[in-house]
Amino acid sequence: MVSDRPPKRTAKIQIMLDDEELEAIDSWRFENRLPSRAAAIRELLRRGLVVEENFGSPPTQADSKEFRVTEAPDEN
């Protein structure tokens, strides 16, 4: 018997965000009326994985902290 239900989610990931990054995700969530922060993050990931625009290869030598959800703040 084939189930119509999606597979059970059993894997957890941890991600650290600063206040600005979290605010950007939460704002997008509320603007799009998604039911939870997790649903918003899944939808943003899905969109990022299927986007057709060519962003080029990510920087493989970059430190993890250099990857941001929002633009890096000016350090003036």
C-alpha atoms as a PDB file:
ATOM      1  CA  MET A   1       0.000   0.000   0.000  1.00  0.00           C
ATOM      2  CA  VAL A   2       1.426   3.369  -1.039  1.00  0.00           C
ATOM      3  CA  SER A   3       0.893   6.248   1.382  1.00  0.00           C
ATOM      4  CA  ASP A   4      -0.076   9.728   0.181  1.00  0.00           C
ATOM      5  CA  ARG A   5       1.614  11.249   3.208  1.00  0.00           C
ATOM      6  CA  PRO A   6       5.011  12.894   2.899  1.00  0.00           C
ATOM      7  CA  PRO A   7       7.891  11.070   4.584  1.00  0.00           C
ATOM      8  CA  LYS A   8       8.290  11.713   8.308  1.00  0.00           C
ATOM      9  CA  ARG A   9      10.865  14.370   9.110  1.00  0.00           C
ATOM     10  CA  THR A  10      13.506  12.875  11.356  1.00  0.00           C
ATOM     11  CA  ALA A  11      16.627  14.942  10.621  1.00  0.00           C
ATOM     12  CA  LYS A  12      17.301  18.172  12.462  1.00  0.00           C
ATOM     13  CA  ILE A  13      19.772  20.852  11.496  1.00  0.00           C
ATOM     14  CA  GLN A  14      21.092  23.708  13.546  1.00  0.00           C
ATOM     15  CA  ILE A  15      21.787  27.085  12.019  1.00  0.00           C
ATOM     16  CA  MET A  16      22.949  30.248  13.713  1.00  0.00           C
ATOM     17  CA  LEU A  17      21.515  33.554  12.460  1.00  0.00           C
ATOM     18  CA  ASP A  18      21.993  37.107  13.620  1.00  0.00           C
ATOM     19  CA  ASP A  19      18.997  39.312  14.444  1.00  0.00           C
ATOM     20  CA  GLU A  20      18.897  40.904  10.980  1.00  0.00           C
ATOM     21  CA  GLU A  21      18.908  37.539   9.208  1.00  0.00           C
ATOM     22  CA  LEU A  22      16.175  36.158  11.445  1.00  0.00           C
ATOM     23  CA  GLU A  23      14.086  39.297  10.954  1.00  0.00           C
ATOM     24  CA  ALA A  24      14.405  38.933   7.165  1.00  0.00           C
ATOM     25  CA  ILE A  25      13.137  35.340   7.315  1.00  0.00           C
ATOM     26  CA  ASP A  26      10.319  36.182   9.719  1.00  0.00           C
ATOM     27  CA  SER A  27       9.234  39.183   7.624  1.00  0.00           C
ATOM     28  CA  TRP A  28       9.134  37.016   4.496  1.00  0.00           C
ATOM     29  CA  ARG A  29       7.159  34.393   6.405  1.00  0.00           C
ATOM     30  CA  PHE A  30       4.506  36.858   7.565  1.00  0.00           C
ATOM     31  CA  GLU A  31       4.278  38.616   4.175  1.00  0.00           C
ATOM     32  CA  ASN A  32       3.589  35.231   2.593  1.00  0.00           C
ATOM     33  CA  ARG A  33       1.331  33.979   5.393  1.00  0.00           C
ATOM     34  CA  LEU A  34       3.258  30.776   6.040  1.00  0.00           C
ATOM     35  CA  PRO A  35       2.244  28.784   9.130  1.00  0.00           C
ATOM     36  CA  SER A  36       5.643  28.599  10.829  1.00  0.00           C
ATOM     37  CA  ARG A  37       9.244  29.730  10.673  1.00  0.00           C
ATOM     38  CA  ALA A  38      10.237  26.160   9.755  1.00  0.00           C
ATOM     39  CA  ALA A  39       7.784  26.155   6.834  1.00  0.00           C
ATOM     40  CA  ALA A  40       9.205  29.486   5.639  1.00  0.00           C
ATOM     41  CA  ILE A  41      12.767  28.190   5.784  1.00  0.00           C
ATOM     42  CA  ARG A  42      11.793  25.000   3.924  1.00  0.00           C
ATOM     43  CA  GLU A  43      10.060  27.069   1.231  1.00  0.00           C
ATOM     44  CA  LEU A  44      13.050  29.388   0.875  1.00  0.00           C
ATOM     45  CA  LEU A  45      15.348  26.371   0.580  1.00  0.00           C
ATOM     46  CA  ARG A  46      13.058  24.775  -2.013  1.00  0.00           C
ATOM     47  CA  ARG A  47      13.028  27.983  -4.047  1.00  0.00           C
ATOM     48  CA  GLY A  48      16.797  28.292  -3.814  1.00  0.00           C
ATOM     49  CA  LEU A  49      17.292  24.731  -5.006  1.00  0.00           C
ATOM     50  CA  VAL A  50      15.047  25.118  -8.054  1.00  0.00           C
ATOM     51  CA  VAL A  51      15.919  28.662  -9.110  1.00  0.00           C
ATOM     52  CA  GLU A  52      16.960  28.859 -12.734  1.00  0.00           C
ATOM     53  CA  GLU A  53      19.015  32.022 -12.512  1.00  0.00           C
ATOM     54  CA  ASN A  54      22.714  31.255 -12.696  1.00  0.00           C
ATOM     55  CA  PHE A  55      24.426  32.397  -9.541  1.00  0.00           C
ATOM     56  CA  GLY A  56      27.666  30.651 -10.369  1.00  0.00           C
ATOM     57  CA  SER A  57      29.528  28.388  -8.005  1.00  0.00           C
ATOM     58  CA  PRO A  58      29.626  29.243  -4.314  1.00  0.00           C
ATOM     59  CA  PRO A  59      33.010  30.165  -2.866  1.00  0.00           C
ATOM     60  CA  THR A  60      34.451  26.843  -1.730  1.00  0.00           C
ATOM     61  CA  GLN A  61      37.280  28.383   0.282  1.00  0.00           C
ATOM     62  CA  ALA A  62      35.042  30.781   2.245  1.00  0.00           C
ATOM     63  CA  ASP A  63      34.591  30.420   5.989  1.00  0.00           C
ATOM     64  CA  SER A  64      31.121  29.343   7.131  1.00  0.00           C
ATOM     65  CA  LYS A  65      30.549  32.717   8.811  1.00  0.00           C
ATOM     66  CA  GLU A  66      30.929  34.449   5.441  1.00  0.00           C
ATOM     67  CA  PHE A  67      27.675  32.909   4.133  1.00  0.00           C
ATOM     68  CA  ARG A  68      24.797  35.225   5.040  1.00  0.00           C
ATOM     69  CA  VAL A  69      21.047  35.385   4.525  1.00  0.00           C
ATOM     70  CA  THR A  70      21.200  39.195   4.229  1.00  0.00           C
ATOM     71  CA  GLU A  71      23.879  41.550   2.993  1.00  0.00           C
ATOM     72  CA  ALA A  72      26.787  41.964   5.386  1.00  0.00           C
ATOM     73  CA  PRO A  73      26.476  45.131   7.491  1.00  0.00           C
ATOM     74  CA  ASP A  74      28.831  47.998   6.732  1.00  0.00           C
ATOM     75  CA  GLU A  75      31.772  48.027   9.114  1.00  0.00           C
ATOM     76  CA  ASN A  76      32.324  51.802   9.053  1.00  0.00           C
END
